Structures are given as C-alpha cells and as structure tokens.
Amino acid sequence: MAKVFTGKVISTKMHNTVVVEVTHLTPHKLYKKLLKRSKHFKVDTNGQEVQVGKWVKITEIKPMSKEKYFKILEVLAEQHAKAGGKTV
C-alpha cells in the first residue's frame, strides 16, 4: 500500500520537480508534549502546474531518481488542506 501525505509546496526551482514539506505532530517520549516535526520530499509534478504555497496531496511511487520517489495526486483547496497532515 502506497503512502499518501498532504503537504505544502516550498520550492519550484527544479524542472518537473517541486519540494513539498509534510508536517506532523508527535508526542515527546517523557513529557508527552506535542512536537511539530516536518520532512521535505522531492516530488514529481506529473505535468501539473503548482506554485509555492499551494497544498498538495502526494503519493509514493517507485524511485524516479536518487531522491525523487513521490508524485502529486492532486492540488487541494486552501481550507480543506489546512486540516491536513499525514493521511494513510
């Protein structure tokens, strides 16, 4: 089963590739405070036009290059995406 994440586009400087930041909350082991953690993924645009700041849904695919192994499923509406995060 392929992983599906929701994230924000933070860079569009590469050809057919964008960088997406996926953020999630995880509890501290001892104190149980929720900590915000984020990870950057290089994502194939799949022929879609996206701009910096847009929210997108991405899915895992077989590796296209050394670091690119996700593609964009869809560009999300602003109010729908802000409640996003990790969706499996």
PDB file of N, CA and C in Angstrom:
ATOM      1  N   MET A   1       0.836  -1.177   0.000  1.00  0.00           N
ATOM      2  CA  MET A   1       0.000   0.000   0.000  1.00  0.00           C
ATOM      3  C   MET A   1       0.885   1.245   0.000  1.00  0.00           C
ATOM      4  N   ALA A   2       0.636   2.138  -0.927  1.00  0.00           N
ATOM      5  CA  ALA A   2       1.453   3.335  -1.069  1.00  0.00           C
ATOM      6  C   ALA A   2       1.100   4.362  -0.002  1.00  0.00           C
ATOM      7  N   LYS A   3       2.110   5.069   0.484  1.00  0.00           N
ATOM      8  CA  LYS A   3       1.905   6.124   1.474  1.00  0.00           C
ATOM      9  C   LYS A   3       1.329   7.349   0.781  1.00  0.00           C
ATOM     10  N   VAL A   4       0.410   8.026   1.461  1.00  0.00           N
ATOM     11  CA  VAL A   4      -0.203   9.249   0.944  1.00  0.00           C
ATOM     12  C   VAL A   4      -0.053  10.321   2.010  1.00  0.00           C
ATOM     13  N   PHE A   5       0.488  11.495   1.631  1.00  0.00           N
ATOM     14  CA  PHE A   5       0.699  12.595   2.550  1.00  0.00           C
ATOM     15  C   PHE A   5       0.090  13.864   1.974  1.00  0.00           C
ATOM     16  N   THR A   6      -0.198  14.821   2.859  1.00  0.00           N
ATOM     17  CA  THR A   6      -0.634  16.151   2.464  1.00  0.00           C
ATOM     18  C   THR A   6       0.434  17.135   2.922  1.00  0.00           C
ATOM     19  N   GLY A   7       0.869  18.019   2.023  1.00  0.00           N
ATOM     20  CA  GLY A   7       1.923  18.955   2.377  1.00  0.00           C
ATOM     21  C   GLY A   7       1.835  20.241   1.584  1.00  0.00           C
ATOM     22  N   LYS A   8       2.760  21.138   1.895  1.00  0.00           N
ATOM     23  CA  LYS A   8       2.796  22.463   1.281  1.00  0.00           C
ATOM     24  C   LYS A   8       4.012  22.570   0.371  1.00  0.00           C
ATOM     25  N   VAL A   9       3.821  23.114  -0.823  1.00  0.00           N
ATOM     26  CA  VAL A   9       4.916  23.307  -1.775  1.00  0.00           C
ATOM     27  C   VAL A   9       5.784  24.457  -1.280  1.00  0.00           C
ATOM     28  N   ILE A  10       7.104  24.200  -1.148  1.00  0.00           N
ATOM     29  CA  ILE A  10       8.002  25.247  -0.650  1.00  0.00           C
ATOM     30  C   ILE A  10       9.037  25.669  -1.686  1.00  0.00           C
ATOM     31  N   SER A  11       9.184  24.903  -2.787  1.00  0.00           N
ATOM     32  CA  SER A  11      10.142  25.279  -3.820  1.00  0.00           C
ATOM     33  C   SER A  11       9.721  24.694  -5.165  1.00  0.00           C
ATOM     34  N   THR A  12       9.871  25.501  -6.226  1.00  0.00           N
ATOM     35  CA  THR A  12       9.555  25.049  -7.585  1.00  0.00           C
ATOM     36  C   THR A  12      10.718  25.346  -8.532  1.00  0.00           C
ATOM     37  N   LYS A  13      11.945  25.341  -8.038  1.00  0.00           N
ATOM     38  CA  LYS A  13      13.091  25.775  -8.825  1.00  0.00           C
ATOM     39  C   LYS A  13      13.661  24.712  -9.750  1.00  0.00           C
ATOM     40  N   MET A  14      13.183  23.475  -9.655  1.00  0.00           N
ATOM     41  CA  MET A  14      13.692  22.393 -10.499  1.00  0.00           C
ATOM     42  C   MET A  14      12.713  22.101 -11.633  1.00  0.00           C
ATOM     43  N   HIS A  15      13.201  21.471 -12.679  1.00  0.00           N
ATOM     44  CA  HIS A  15      12.384  21.121 -13.836  1.00  0.00           C
ATOM     45  C   HIS A  15      11.578  19.859 -13.510  1.00  0.00           C
ATOM     46  N   ASN A  16      10.232  19.927 -13.618  1.00  0.00           N
ATOM     47  CA  ASN A  16       9.315  18.812 -13.354  1.00  0.00           C
ATOM     48  C   ASN A  16       9.387  18.285 -11.927  1.00  0.00           C
ATOM     49  N   THR A  17       9.944  19.046 -11.007  1.00  0.00           N
ATOM     50  CA  THR A  17      10.081  18.613  -9.620  1.00  0.00           C
ATOM     51  C   THR A  17       9.798  19.792  -8.697  1.00  0.00           C
ATOM     52  N   VAL A  18       9.088  19.508  -7.603  1.00  0.00           N
ATOM     53  CA  VAL A  18       8.861  20.504  -6.566  1.00  0.00           C
ATOM     54  C   VAL A  18       9.271  19.894  -5.226  1.00  0.00           C
ATOM     55  N   VAL A  19       9.532  20.759  -4.244  1.00  0.00           N
ATOM     56  CA  VAL A  19       9.844  20.296  -2.897  1.00  0.00           C
ATOM     57  C   VAL A  19       8.611  20.554  -2.041  1.00  0.00           C
ATOM     58  N   VAL A  20       8.139  19.497  -1.363  1.00  0.00           N
ATOM     59  CA  VAL A  20       6.940  19.578  -0.532  1.00  0.00           C
ATOM     60  C   VAL A  20       7.328  19.308   0.915  1.00  0.00           C
ATOM     61  N   GLU A  21       6.845  20.154   1.825  1.00  0.00           N
ATOM     62  CA  GLU A  21       7.090  19.980   3.247  1.00  0.00           C
ATOM     63  C   GLU A  21       5.859  19.337   3.882  1.00  0.00           C
ATOM     64  N   VAL A  22       6.065  18.173   4.502  1.00  0.00           N
ATOM     65  CA  VAL A  22       4.994  17.457   5.196  1.00  0.00           C
ATOM     66  C   VAL A  22       5.253  17.603   6.694  1.00  0.00           C
ATOM     67  N   THR A  23       4.251  18.105   7.420  1.00  0.00           N
ATOM     68  CA  THR A  23       4.377  18.360   8.850  1.00  0.00           C
ATOM     69  C   THR A  23       3.406  17.467   9.620  1.00  0.00           C
ATOM     70  N   HIS A  24       3.872  16.934  10.752  1.00  0.00           N
ATOM     71  CA  HIS A  24       3.003  16.147  11.628  1.00  0.00           C
ATOM     72  C   HIS A  24       3.367  16.415  13.085  1.00  0.00           C
ATOM     73  N   LEU A  25       2.462  16.072  13.983  1.00  0.00           N
ATOM     74  CA  LEU A  25       2.685  16.233  15.413  1.00  0.00           C
ATOM     75  C   LEU A  25       3.008  14.879  16.025  1.00  0.00           C
ATOM     76  N   THR A  26       4.017  14.857  16.895  1.00  0.00           N
ATOM     77  CA  THR A  26       4.407  13.633  17.573  1.00  0.00           C
ATOM     78  C   THR A  26       4.642  13.945  19.048  1.00  0.00           C
ATOM     79  N   PRO A  27       4.226  13.064  19.955  1.00  0.00           N
ATOM     80  CA  PRO A  27       4.412  13.352  21.375  1.00  0.00           C
ATOM     81  C   PRO A  27       5.843  13.093  21.845  1.00  0.00           C
ATOM     82  N   HIS A  28       6.316  13.922  22.792  1.00  0.00           N
ATOM     83  CA  HIS A  28       7.613  13.709  23.412  1.00  0.00           C
ATOM     84  C   HIS A  28       7.544  12.428  24.236  1.00  0.00           C
ATOM     85  N   LYS A  29       8.620  11.629  24.249  1.00  0.00           N
ATOM     86  CA  LYS A  29       8.593  10.331  24.925  1.00  0.00           C
ATOM     87  C   LYS A  29       8.341  10.431  26.422  1.00  0.00           C
ATOM     88  N   LEU A  30       8.951  11.405  27.080  1.00  0.00           N
ATOM     89  CA  LEU A  30       8.825  11.519  28.530  1.00  0.00           C
ATOM     90  C   LEU A  30       7.713  12.477  28.946  1.00  0.00           C
ATOM     91  N   TYR A  31       7.689  13.669  28.333  1.00  0.00           N
ATOM     92  CA  TYR A  31       6.795  14.718  28.797  1.00  0.00           C
ATOM     93  C   TYR A  31       5.453  14.761  28.064  1.00  0.00           C
ATOM     94  N   LYS A  32       5.305  14.008  26.990  1.00  0.00           N
ATOM     95  CA  LYS A  32       4.048  13.880  26.239  1.00  0.00           C
ATOM     96  C   LYS A  32       3.579  15.176  25.579  1.00  0.00           C
ATOM     97  N   LYS A  33       4.428  16.198  25.531  1.00  0.00           N
ATOM     98  CA  LYS A  33       4.074  17.425  24.829  1.00  0.00           C
ATOM     99  C   LYS A  33       4.117  17.155  23.324  1.00  0.00           C
ATOM    100  N   LEU A  34       3.173  17.704  22.596  1.00  0.00           N
ATOM    101  CA  LEU A  34       3.155  17.507  21.154  1.00  0.00           C
ATOM    102  C   LEU A  34       4.203  18.399  20.499  1.00  0.00           C
ATOM    103  N   LEU A  35       5.049  17.797  19.691  1.00  0.00           N
ATOM    104  CA  LEU A  35       6.112  18.499  18.981  1.00  0.00           C
ATOM    105  C   LEU A  35       5.814  18.474  17.497  1.00  0.00           C
ATOM    106  N   LYS A  36       6.065  19.593  16.825  1.00  0.00           N
ATOM    107  CA  LYS A  36       5.855  19.678  15.387  1.00  0.00           C
ATOM    108  C   LYS A  36       7.111  19.194  14.678  1.00  0.00           C
ATOM    109  N   ARG A  37       6.979  18.212  13.830  1.00  0.00           N
ATOM    110  CA  ARG A  37       8.086  17.673  13.044  1.00  0.00           C
ATOM    111  C   ARG A  37       7.729  17.793  11.564  1.00  0.00           C
ATOM    112  N   SER A  38       8.736  18.073  10.734  1.00  0.00           N
ATOM    113  CA  SER A  38       8.484  18.204   9.305  1.00  0.00           C
ATOM    114  C   SER A  38       9.580  17.514   8.511  1.00  0.00           C
ATOM    115  N   LYS A  39       9.226  17.145   7.284  1.00  0.00           N
ATOM    116  CA  LYS A  39      10.164  16.491   6.392  1.00  0.00           C
ATOM    117  C   LYS A  39       9.926  17.019   4.984  1.00  0.00           C
ATOM    118  N   HIS A  40      11.003  17.181   4.229  1.00  0.00           N
ATOM    119  CA  HIS A  40      10.914  17.671   2.861  1.00  0.00           C
ATOM    120  C   HIS A  40      11.040  16.493   1.901  1.00  0.00           C
ATOM    121  N   PHE A  41      10.161  16.464   0.902  1.00  0.00           N
ATOM    122  CA  PHE A  41      10.198  15.430  -0.129  1.00  0.00           C
ATOM    123  C   PHE A  41      10.319  16.093  -1.485  1.00  0.00           C
ATOM    124  N   LYS A  42      11.142  15.513  -2.365  1.00  0.00           N
ATOM    125  CA  LYS A  42      11.180  15.937  -3.760  1.00  0.00           C
ATOM    126  C   LYS A  42      10.103  15.153  -4.490  1.00  0.00           C
ATOM    127  N   VAL A  43       9.236  15.884  -5.209  1.00  0.00           N
ATOM    128  CA  VAL A  43       8.023  15.302  -5.759  1.00  0.00           C
ATOM    129  C   VAL A  43       7.938  15.607  -7.251  1.00  0.00           C
ATOM    130  N   ASP A  44       7.562  14.605  -8.049  1.00  0.00           N
ATOM    131  CA  ASP A  44       7.336  14.780  -9.479  1.00  0.00           C
ATOM    132  C   ASP A  44       6.023  15.533  -9.688  1.00  0.00           C
ATOM    133  N   THR A  45       6.020  16.525 -10.581  1.00  0.00           N
ATOM    134  CA  THR A  45       4.825  17.330 -10.786  1.00  0.00           C
ATOM    135  C   THR A  45       3.778  16.627 -11.633  1.00  0.00           C
ATOM    136  N   ASN A  46       4.163  15.590 -12.355  1.00  0.00           N
ATOM    137  CA  ASN A  46       3.196  14.812 -13.133  1.00  0.00           C
ATOM    138  C   ASN A  46       2.474  15.687 -14.155  1.00  0.00           C
ATOM    139  N   GLY A  47       3.169  16.707 -14.682  1.00  0.00           N
ATOM    140  CA  GLY A  47       2.613  17.587 -15.694  1.00  0.00           C
ATOM    141  C   GLY A  47       1.680  18.660 -15.167  1.00  0.00           C
ATOM    142  N   GLN A  48       1.520  18.781 -13.859  1.00  0.00           N
ATOM    143  CA  GLN A  48       0.623  19.774 -13.275  1.00  0.00           C
ATOM    144  C   GLN A  48       1.389  21.043 -12.947  1.00  0.00           C
ATOM    145  N   GLU A  49       0.690  22.180 -13.029  1.00  0.00           N
ATOM    146  CA  GLU A  49       1.277  23.461 -12.676  1.00  0.00           C
ATOM    147  C   GLU A  49       0.962  23.759 -11.214  1.00  0.00           C
ATOM    148  N   VAL A  50       1.994  23.934 -10.399  1.00  0.00           N
ATOM    149  CA  VAL A  50       1.803  24.283  -8.985  1.00  0.00           C
ATOM    150  C   VAL A  50       2.708  25.450  -8.644  1.00  0.00           C
ATOM    151  N   GLN A  51       2.273  26.264  -7.672  1.00  0.00           N
ATOM    152  CA  GLN A  51       3.046  27.405  -7.231  1.00  0.00           C
ATOM    153  C   GLN A  51       3.439  27.209  -5.769  1.00  0.00           C
ATOM    154  N   VAL A  52       4.432  27.980  -5.339  1.00  0.00           N
ATOM    155  CA  VAL A  52       4.868  27.945  -3.946  1.00  0.00           C
ATOM    156  C   VAL A  52       3.696  28.364  -3.064  1.00  0.00           C
ATOM    157  N   GLY A  53       3.479  27.629  -1.981  1.00  0.00           N
ATOM    158  CA  GLY A  53       2.412  27.935  -1.047  1.00  0.00           C
ATOM    159  C   GLY A  53       1.164  27.097  -1.241  1.00  0.00           C
ATOM    160  N   LYS A  54       1.033  26.404  -2.343  1.00  0.00           N
ATOM    161  CA  LYS A  54      -0.139  25.559  -2.587  1.00  0.00           C
ATOM    162  C   LYS A  54      -0.050  24.284  -1.759  1.00  0.00           C
ATOM    163  N   TRP A  55      -1.205  23.760  -1.331  1.00  0.00           N
ATOM    164  CA  TRP A  55      -1.281  22.493  -0.612  1.00  0.00           C
ATOM    165  C   TRP A  55      -1.550  21.388  -1.623  1.00  0.00           C
ATOM    166  N   VAL A  56      -0.812  20.287  -1.508  1.00  0.00           N
ATOM    167  CA  VAL A  56      -0.946  19.172  -2.446  1.00  0.00           C
ATOM    168  C   VAL A  56      -1.035  17.851  -1.694  1.00  0.00           C
ATOM    169  N   LYS A  57      -1.637  16.874  -2.353  1.00  0.00           N
ATOM    170  CA  LYS A  57      -1.655  15.509  -1.836  1.00  0.00           C
ATOM    171  C   LYS A  57      -0.669  14.716  -2.683  1.00  0.00           C
ATOM    172  N   ILE A  58       0.279  14.010  -2.025  1.00  0.00           N
ATOM    173  CA  ILE A  58       1.311  13.268  -2.739  1.00  0.00           C
ATOM    174  C   ILE A  58       1.227  11.791  -2.377  1.00  0.00           C
ATOM    175  N   THR A  59       1.698  10.945  -3.289  1.00  0.00           N
ATOM    176  CA  THR A  59       1.705   9.514  -3.054  1.00  0.00           C
ATOM    177  C   THR A  59       3.051   8.922  -3.446  1.00  0.00           C
ATOM    178  N   GLU A  60       3.378   7.820  -2.828  1.00  0.00           N
ATOM    179  CA  GLU A  60       4.654   7.149  -3.054  1.00  0.00           C
ATOM    180  C   GLU A  60       4.592   6.345  -4.359  1.00  0.00           C
ATOM    181  N   ILE A  61       5.699   6.386  -5.118  1.00  0.00           N
ATOM    182  CA  ILE A  61       5.825   5.615  -6.356  1.00  0.00           C
ATOM    183  C   ILE A  61       7.194   4.943  -6.364  1.00  0.00           C
ATOM    184  N   LYS A  62       7.455   4.159  -7.397  1.00  0.00           N
ATOM    185  CA  LYS A  62       8.797   3.578  -7.490  1.00  0.00           C
ATOM    186  C   LYS A  62       9.797   4.702  -7.770  1.00  0.00           C
ATOM    187  N   PRO A  63      11.043   4.567  -7.345  1.00  0.00           N
ATOM    188  CA  PRO A  63      12.011   5.660  -7.464  1.00  0.00           C
ATOM    189  C   PRO A  63      12.216   6.117  -8.912  1.00  0.00           C
ATOM    190  N   MET A  64      12.137   7.438  -9.113  1.00  0.00           N
ATOM    191  CA  MET A  64      12.389   8.034 -10.430  1.00  0.00           C
ATOM    192  C   MET A  64      13.837   8.492 -10.541  1.00  0.00           C
ATOM    193  N   SER A  65      14.458   8.771  -9.387  1.00  0.00           N
ATOM    194  CA  SER A  65      15.857   9.173  -9.331  1.00  0.00           C
ATOM    195  C   SER A  65      16.346   8.859  -7.922  1.00  0.00           C
ATOM    196  N   LYS A  66      17.525   9.352  -7.593  1.00  0.00           N
ATOM    197  CA  LYS A  66      18.107   9.058  -6.284  1.00  0.00           C
ATOM    198  C   LYS A  66      17.222   9.543  -5.132  1.00  0.00           C
ATOM    199  N   GLU A  67      16.618  10.727  -5.266  1.00  0.00           N
ATOM    200  CA  GLU A  67      15.852  11.313  -4.166  1.00  0.00           C
ATOM    201  C   GLU A  67      14.368  11.503  -4.465  1.00  0.00           C
ATOM    202  N   LYS A  68      13.932  11.258  -5.695  1.00  0.00           N
ATOM    203  CA  LYS A  68      12.548  11.543  -6.071  1.00  0.00           C
ATOM    204  C   LYS A  68      11.751  10.240  -6.169  1.00  0.00           C
ATOM    205  N   TYR A  69      10.847  10.030  -5.166  1.00  0.00           N
ATOM    206  CA  TYR A  69      10.029   8.823  -5.164  1.00  0.00           C
ATOM    207  C   TYR A  69       8.599   9.105  -4.711  1.00  0.00           C
ATOM    208  N   PHE A  70       8.124  10.316  -4.996  1.00  0.00           N
ATOM    209  CA  PHE A  70       6.737  10.705  -4.764  1.00  0.00           C
ATOM    210  C   PHE A  70       6.232  11.443  -5.996  1.00  0.00           C
ATOM    211  N   LYS A  71       4.898  11.439  -6.202  1.00  0.00           N
ATOM    212  CA  LYS A  71       4.289  12.240  -7.261  1.00  0.00           C
ATOM    213  C   LYS A  71       3.043  12.914  -6.713  1.00  0.00           C
ATOM    214  N   ILE A  72       2.629  14.002  -7.364  1.00  0.00           N
ATOM    215  CA  ILE A  72       1.460  14.761  -6.941  1.00  0.00           C
ATOM    216  C   ILE A  72       0.203  14.037  -7.408  1.00  0.00           C
ATOM    217  N   LEU A  73      -0.714  13.797  -6.471  1.00  0.00           N
ATOM    218  CA  LEU A  73      -2.018  13.241  -6.824  1.00  0.00           C
ATOM    219  C   LEU A  73      -2.981  14.354  -7.218  1.00  0.00           C
ATOM    220  N   GLU A  74      -3.059  15.393  -6.372  1.00  0.00           N
ATOM    221  CA  GLU A  74      -3.962  16.494  -6.658  1.00  0.00           C
ATOM    222  C   GLU A  74      -3.544  17.744  -5.894  1.00  0.00           C
ATOM    223  N   VAL A  75      -3.968  18.883  -6.415  1.00  0.00           N
ATOM    224  CA  VAL A  75      -3.769  20.159  -5.738  1.00  0.00           C
ATOM    225  C   VAL A  75      -5.044  20.411  -4.947  1.00  0.00           C
ATOM    226  N   LEU A  76      -4.906  20.660  -3.631  1.00  0.00           N
ATOM    227  CA  LEU A  76      -6.052  20.780  -2.745  1.00  0.00           C
ATOM    228  C   LEU A  76      -6.506  22.218  -2.588  1.00  0.00           C
ATOM    229  N   ALA A  77      -7.763  22.391  -2.205  1.00  0.00           N
ATOM    230  CA  ALA A  77      -8.301  23.712  -1.884  1.00  0.00           C
ATOM    231  C   ALA A  77      -7.705  24.160  -0.560  1.00  0.00           C
ATOM    232  N   GLU A  78      -7.552  25.458  -0.359  1.00  0.00           N
ATOM    233  CA  GLU A  78      -6.876  26.002   0.818  1.00  0.00           C
ATOM    234  C   GLU A  78      -7.534  25.587   2.133  1.00  0.00           C
ATOM    235  N   GLN A  79      -8.860  25.777   2.278  1.00  0.00           N
ATOM    236  CA  GLN A  79      -9.495  25.496   3.554  1.00  0.00           C
ATOM    237  C   GLN A  79      -9.510  23.996   3.845  1.00  0.00           C
ATOM    238  N   HIS A  80      -9.559  23.142   2.843  1.00  0.00           N
ATOM    239  CA  HIS A  80      -9.557  21.690   3.054  1.00  0.00           C
ATOM    240  C   HIS A  80      -8.191  21.211   3.481  1.00  0.00           C
ATOM    241  N   ALA A  81      -7.129  21.794   2.966  1.00  0.00           N
ATOM    242  CA  ALA A  81      -5.783  21.307   3.193  1.00  0.00           C
ATOM    243  C   ALA A  81      -5.229  21.699   4.555  1.00  0.00           C
ATOM    244  N   LYS A  82      -5.670  22.796   5.137  1.00  0.00           N
ATOM    245  CA  LYS A  82      -5.091  23.247   6.402  1.00  0.00           C
ATOM    246  C   LYS A  82      -5.372  22.293   7.552  1.00  0.00           C
ATOM    247  N   ALA A  83      -6.396  21.481   7.424  1.00  0.00           N
ATOM    248  CA  ALA A  83      -6.667  20.468   8.445  1.00  0.00           C
ATOM    249  C   ALA A  83      -5.900  19.193   8.144  1.00  0.00           C
ATOM    250  N   GLY A  84      -5.064  19.221   7.110  1.00  0.00           N
ATOM    251  CA  GLY A  84      -4.349  18.036   6.616  1.00  0.00           C
ATOM    252  C   GLY A  84      -3.291  17.512   7.542  1.00  0.00           C
ATOM    253  N   GLY A  85      -2.222  17.029   6.973  1.00  0.00           N
ATOM    254  CA  GLY A  85      -1.174  16.351   7.713  1.00  0.00           C
ATOM    255  C   GLY A  85      -0.995  14.965   7.126  1.00  0.00           C
ATOM    256  N   LYS A  86      -0.651  14.022   7.932  1.00  0.00           N
ATOM    257  CA  LYS A  86      -0.452  12.671   7.441  1.00  0.00           C
ATOM    258  C   LYS A  86      -1.795  11.977   7.288  1.00  0.00           C
ATOM    259  N   THR A  87      -2.083  11.471   6.099  1.00  0.00           N
ATOM    260  CA  THR A  87      -3.290  10.697   5.862  1.00  0.00           C
ATOM    261  C   THR A  87      -2.895   9.368   5.236  1.00  0.00           C
ATOM    262  N   VAL A  88      -3.221   8.308   5.900  1.00  0.00           N
ATOM    263  CA  VAL A  88      -2.852   6.974   5.380  1.00  0.00           C
ATOM    264  C   VAL A  88      -4.100   6.186   5.124  1.00  0.00           C
TER     265      VAL A  88
END
